[in-house]
Amino acid sequence: MRKFLLSFLIVSLLSSFAFADAPKSQVDWTLFGDNLQSSLKSENIGVKLSAMQLIIEYSADLNVAGTEAVYEVMREFRNNTDQSIRKLSLITLYKMNNDWAIDFLKRHHKFEENKGIKNTIQSIVAAYENGDNEKIAKTLNESYLSLAF
């Protein structure tokens, strides 16, 4: 039994290395984005959170600014009581690069009760309007790194 487990572990480890670093040119970004948008509609919160994290990570290669996906993330931002999930949703909204979402955040800023989220919204909106990508990156990185699930 021990040899079997050890063999299984070695084979699993080697195959994970073989498939772990597929070149970006071989990824079907349209299909990946469509699957992420479908995952945002899931009833399982873990699936939604994973989709949001992947959107944040691969936003430069994805086009998920579709209205339905933005609405799903916005719904999590507005309705979830967990502040970490709201912050993740906020970062995802920015990374989706949707003007409507930024406009919504600008209007929502007045009514936000959580000080940390309010400050993040303010920083994102100000940097977005000024085209200050370095400030946005710094704000988002600080917010994203502060999340702990």
Protein backbone atom coordinates (compact mmCIF):
# COMPACT_ATOMS: atom_id res chain seq x y z
CA MET A 1 0.00 0.00 0.00
CA ARG A 2 2.83 2.35 0.86
CA LYS A 3 4.57 1.72 -2.48
CA PHE A 4 1.33 2.36 -4.31
CA LEU A 5 0.81 5.71 -2.54
CA LEU A 6 4.41 6.73 -3.18
CA SER A 7 4.12 5.77 -6.87
CA PHE A 8 0.84 7.63 -7.18
CA LEU A 9 2.33 10.72 -5.57
CA ILE A 10 5.35 10.71 -7.90
CA VAL A 11 3.21 10.23 -11.02
CA SER A 12 0.83 12.98 -9.91
CA LEU A 13 3.69 15.35 -9.20
CA LEU A 14 5.39 14.71 -12.53
CA SER A 15 2.18 15.10 -14.51
CA SER A 16 1.34 18.34 -12.73
CA PHE A 17 4.71 19.75 -13.83
CA ALA A 18 4.07 18.62 -17.38
CA PHE A 19 0.75 20.47 -17.65
CA ALA A 20 1.36 23.39 -15.30
CA ASP A 21 2.95 25.87 -17.66
CA ALA A 22 1.10 25.80 -20.97
CA PRO A 23 2.18 28.67 -23.21
CA LYS A 24 -0.30 31.55 -23.26
CA SER A 25 -0.65 31.21 -27.01
CA GLN A 26 -2.18 27.74 -26.54
CA VAL A 27 -4.91 28.92 -24.18
CA ASP A 28 -8.36 29.52 -25.64
CA TRP A 29 -9.03 32.79 -23.77
CA THR A 30 -12.53 33.15 -25.21
CA LEU A 31 -13.58 29.73 -23.92
CA PHE A 32 -11.84 30.36 -20.59
CA GLY A 33 -13.66 33.70 -20.22
CA ASP A 34 -17.00 32.12 -21.12
CA ASN A 35 -16.48 29.43 -18.48
CA LEU A 36 -15.57 32.04 -15.88
CA GLN A 37 -18.72 33.99 -16.70
CA SER A 38 -20.76 30.80 -16.27
CA SER A 39 -19.02 30.13 -12.96
CA LEU A 40 -20.03 33.57 -11.69
CA LYS A 41 -23.68 32.43 -11.94
CA SER A 42 -23.09 29.39 -9.74
CA GLU A 43 -24.93 28.95 -6.45
CA ASN A 44 -21.68 27.69 -4.90
CA ILE A 45 -19.85 30.65 -3.34
CA GLY A 46 -16.50 28.87 -3.65
CA VAL A 47 -16.93 28.57 -7.41
CA LYS A 48 -17.82 32.28 -7.63
CA LEU A 49 -14.82 33.30 -5.55
CA SER A 50 -12.49 31.16 -7.65
CA ALA A 51 -13.86 32.71 -10.83
CA MET A 52 -13.31 36.20 -9.41
CA GLN A 53 -9.74 35.36 -8.43
CA LEU A 54 -9.02 34.01 -11.91
CA ILE A 55 -10.52 37.12 -13.52
CA ILE A 56 -8.22 39.26 -11.37
CA GLU A 57 -5.18 37.15 -12.21
CA TYR A 58 -5.75 36.88 -15.97
CA SER A 59 -7.64 40.12 -16.65
CA ALA A 60 -5.06 41.28 -19.21
CA ASP A 61 -5.86 38.27 -21.43
CA LEU A 62 -9.60 38.00 -20.81
CA ASN A 63 -12.61 39.86 -22.10
CA VAL A 64 -15.23 39.40 -19.38
CA ALA A 65 -16.68 42.89 -19.42
CA GLY A 66 -20.02 41.46 -20.58
CA THR A 67 -23.02 42.91 -18.84
CA GLU A 68 -24.23 39.68 -17.24
CA ALA A 69 -20.84 38.91 -15.67
CA VAL A 70 -20.54 42.46 -14.33
CA TYR A 71 -24.02 42.20 -12.82
CA GLU A 72 -23.13 38.94 -11.08
CA VAL A 73 -20.00 40.42 -9.50
CA MET A 74 -21.89 43.61 -8.62
CA ARG A 75 -24.58 41.52 -6.93
CA GLU A 76 -21.94 39.89 -4.71
CA PHE A 77 -20.45 43.29 -3.91
CA ARG A 78 -23.80 44.78 -2.94
CA ASN A 79 -25.46 41.84 -1.18
CA ASN A 80 -22.71 39.88 0.58
CA THR A 81 -22.13 40.63 4.26
CA ASP A 82 -18.57 39.27 4.30
CA GLN A 83 -16.27 42.26 3.83
CA SER A 84 -13.50 40.13 2.32
CA ILE A 85 -15.83 38.88 -0.39
CA ARG A 86 -17.04 42.43 -1.01
CA LYS A 87 -13.44 43.61 -1.38
CA LEU A 88 -12.67 40.75 -3.77
CA SER A 89 -15.75 41.70 -5.78
CA LEU A 90 -14.63 45.33 -5.83
CA ILE A 91 -11.21 44.42 -7.21
CA THR A 92 -12.84 42.10 -9.76
CA LEU A 93 -15.14 44.89 -10.92
CA TYR A 94 -12.18 47.11 -11.59
CA LYS A 95 -10.24 44.36 -13.37
CA MET A 96 -13.25 43.64 -15.61
CA ASN A 97 -12.59 47.06 -17.16
CA ASN A 98 -16.24 48.05 -17.46
CA ASP A 99 -17.08 51.77 -17.46
CA TRP A 100 -20.56 51.14 -16.08
CA ALA A 101 -19.09 49.33 -13.05
CA ILE A 102 -16.72 52.22 -12.31
CA ASP A 103 -19.60 54.68 -12.64
CA PHE A 104 -21.67 52.57 -10.24
CA LEU A 105 -18.81 52.52 -7.73
CA LYS A 106 -18.48 56.28 -8.00
CA ARG A 107 -22.17 56.71 -7.13
CA HIS A 108 -22.08 53.98 -4.46
CA HIS A 109 -19.15 55.63 -2.65
CA LYS A 110 -21.49 58.06 -0.82
CA PHE A 111 -23.52 55.26 0.69
CA GLU A 112 -20.76 52.79 1.62
CA GLU A 113 -20.59 52.21 5.38
CA ASN A 114 -17.37 50.17 5.59
CA LYS A 115 -14.46 52.58 5.85
CA GLY A 116 -11.88 50.25 4.25
CA ILE A 117 -14.06 49.53 1.23
CA LYS A 118 -15.02 53.19 0.96
CA ASN A 119 -11.34 54.18 0.86
CA THR A 120 -10.60 51.53 -1.77
CA ILE A 121 -13.49 52.73 -3.93
CA GLN A 122 -12.28 56.31 -3.61
CA SER A 123 -8.75 55.36 -4.62
CA ILE A 124 -9.89 53.24 -7.56
CA VAL A 125 -12.28 55.89 -8.91
CA ALA A 126 -9.77 58.74 -8.52
CA ALA A 127 -6.96 56.77 -10.12
CA TYR A 128 -9.25 55.52 -12.91
CA GLU A 129 -10.37 59.05 -13.76
CA ASN A 130 -6.79 60.33 -13.75
CA GLY A 131 -5.45 57.33 -15.68
CA ASP A 132 -2.96 56.69 -12.87
CA ASN A 133 -2.29 52.99 -13.42
CA GLU A 134 0.51 52.83 -10.83
CA LYS A 135 -1.77 54.14 -8.08
CA ILE A 136 -4.51 51.71 -9.07
CA ALA A 137 -2.05 48.80 -9.09
CA LYS A 138 -0.73 49.76 -5.65
CA THR A 139 -4.23 50.14 -4.19
CA LEU A 140 -5.44 46.87 -5.65
CA ASN A 141 -2.36 44.93 -4.62
CA GLU A 142 -2.66 46.17 -1.05
CA SER A 143 -6.35 45.31 -0.97
CA TYR A 144 -5.89 41.92 -2.62
CA LEU A 145 -3.04 40.92 -0.33
CA SER A 146 -5.07 41.89 2.73
CA LEU A 147 -7.75 39.33 1.88
CA ALA A 148 -7.70 36.13 3.87
CA PHE A 149 -10.28 33.43 3.25
